[in-house]
Amino acid sequence: MTAAQDLVRALARATAAAQAAGLPDADRWTLQTGSKTYGRAFRLYARDPQTGGLSSVAGLSDGFLGVTAREAASSLDMLATGLRLAVA
């Protein structure tokens, strides 16, 4: 499995955990990947279905997940674990 595939699966796990925890807008979470030129960074945002604009996810100050796909996937997995523990 590639790092990109890990990242997609980690986002799905985190989204499912957030929905189970009752977080608003969890179904609209999306990843943003920076460019190699201006600095690779992976961030989590909520996308507005009407405008396509991005907003911060509640509880994540700037949505930063990491500078590599593996680091971002790990951050999403930790978020999912924390959410599952919070509702248990």
Protein backbone atom coordinates (compact mmCIF):
# COMPACT_ATOMS: atom_id res chain seq x y z
CA MET A 1 0.00 0.00 0.00
CA THR A 2 1.31 3.44 -0.88
CA ALA A 3 1.41 6.45 1.41
CA ALA A 4 -1.32 8.11 -0.67
CA GLN A 5 -3.60 5.08 -0.22
CA ASP A 6 -2.87 5.07 3.52
CA LEU A 7 -3.84 8.74 3.63
CA VAL A 8 -7.17 8.17 1.86
CA ARG A 9 -8.03 5.31 4.20
CA ALA A 10 -6.98 7.32 7.27
CA LEU A 11 -9.24 10.20 6.16
CA ALA A 12 -12.15 7.75 5.81
CA ARG A 13 -11.50 6.38 9.32
CA ALA A 14 -11.25 9.85 10.84
CA THR A 15 -14.41 11.02 9.06
CA ALA A 16 -16.35 7.97 10.25
CA ALA A 17 -15.15 8.48 13.83
CA ALA A 18 -16.06 12.18 13.69
CA GLN A 19 -19.55 11.40 12.40
CA ALA A 20 -20.03 8.78 15.14
CA ALA A 21 -18.94 11.40 17.69
CA GLY A 22 -21.49 13.86 16.28
CA LEU A 23 -19.04 16.47 15.02
CA PRO A 24 -20.66 18.95 12.65
CA ASP A 25 -19.56 19.01 9.00
CA ALA A 26 -17.52 15.79 9.27
CA ASP A 27 -19.03 14.60 6.01
CA ARG A 28 -17.45 17.61 4.26
CA TRP A 29 -13.87 17.09 5.42
CA THR A 30 -11.27 17.31 2.71
CA LEU A 31 -7.49 17.23 2.51
CA GLN A 32 -5.37 19.98 1.05
CA THR A 33 -1.85 19.24 -0.09
CA GLY A 34 0.67 22.04 -0.47
CA SER A 35 3.04 22.22 -3.39
CA LYS A 36 6.61 20.99 -3.48
CA THR A 37 7.63 24.49 -4.59
CA TYR A 38 6.05 26.41 -1.72
CA GLY A 39 6.27 23.76 0.97
CA ARG A 40 4.52 20.44 1.15
CA ALA A 41 2.02 20.36 3.96
CA PHE A 42 -1.11 18.32 4.48
CA ARG A 43 -4.08 20.09 6.09
CA LEU A 44 -7.64 19.11 6.96
CA TYR A 45 -10.50 21.46 6.07
CA ALA A 46 -14.28 21.38 5.74
CA ARG A 47 -15.48 22.26 2.23
CA ASP A 48 -18.61 24.40 1.83
CA PRO A 49 -20.86 22.58 -0.66
CA GLN A 50 -22.35 25.83 -1.96
CA THR A 51 -19.23 27.92 -2.54
CA GLY A 52 -16.47 25.32 -2.52
CA GLY A 53 -14.67 27.43 0.07
CA LEU A 54 -12.61 25.88 2.83
CA SER A 55 -13.05 26.45 6.54
CA SER A 56 -11.23 25.19 9.60
CA VAL A 57 -12.34 21.95 11.20
CA ALA A 58 -13.64 22.49 14.72
CA GLY A 59 -10.95 21.65 17.26
CA LEU A 60 -8.03 21.85 14.83
CA SER A 61 -6.54 25.33 14.94
CA ASP A 62 -5.00 25.35 11.47
CA GLY A 63 -5.78 21.85 10.27
CA PHE A 64 -2.10 20.94 9.93
CA LEU A 65 -1.57 17.17 9.71
CA GLY A 66 2.06 16.86 8.65
CA VAL A 67 4.62 17.42 5.92
CA THR A 68 4.53 13.90 4.47
CA ALA A 69 1.62 11.67 3.49
CA ARG A 70 2.61 9.11 6.11
CA GLU A 71 2.81 11.76 8.83
CA ALA A 72 -0.62 13.11 7.80
CA ALA A 73 -2.11 9.59 7.81
CA SER A 74 -0.70 9.02 11.28
CA SER A 75 -2.22 12.32 12.50
CA LEU A 76 -5.61 11.35 11.08
CA ASP A 77 -5.39 7.95 12.76
CA MET A 78 -4.59 9.60 16.10
CA LEU A 79 -7.56 11.94 15.59
CA ALA A 80 -9.84 8.97 14.84
CA THR A 81 -8.59 7.11 17.91
CA GLY A 82 -9.15 10.13 20.13
CA LEU A 83 -12.68 10.59 18.80
CA ARG A 84 -13.52 6.93 19.34
CA LEU A 85 -12.22 7.13 22.93
CA ALA A 86 -14.21 10.29 23.57
CA VAL A 87 -17.51 8.64 22.73
CA ALA A 88 -16.75 5.32 24.39
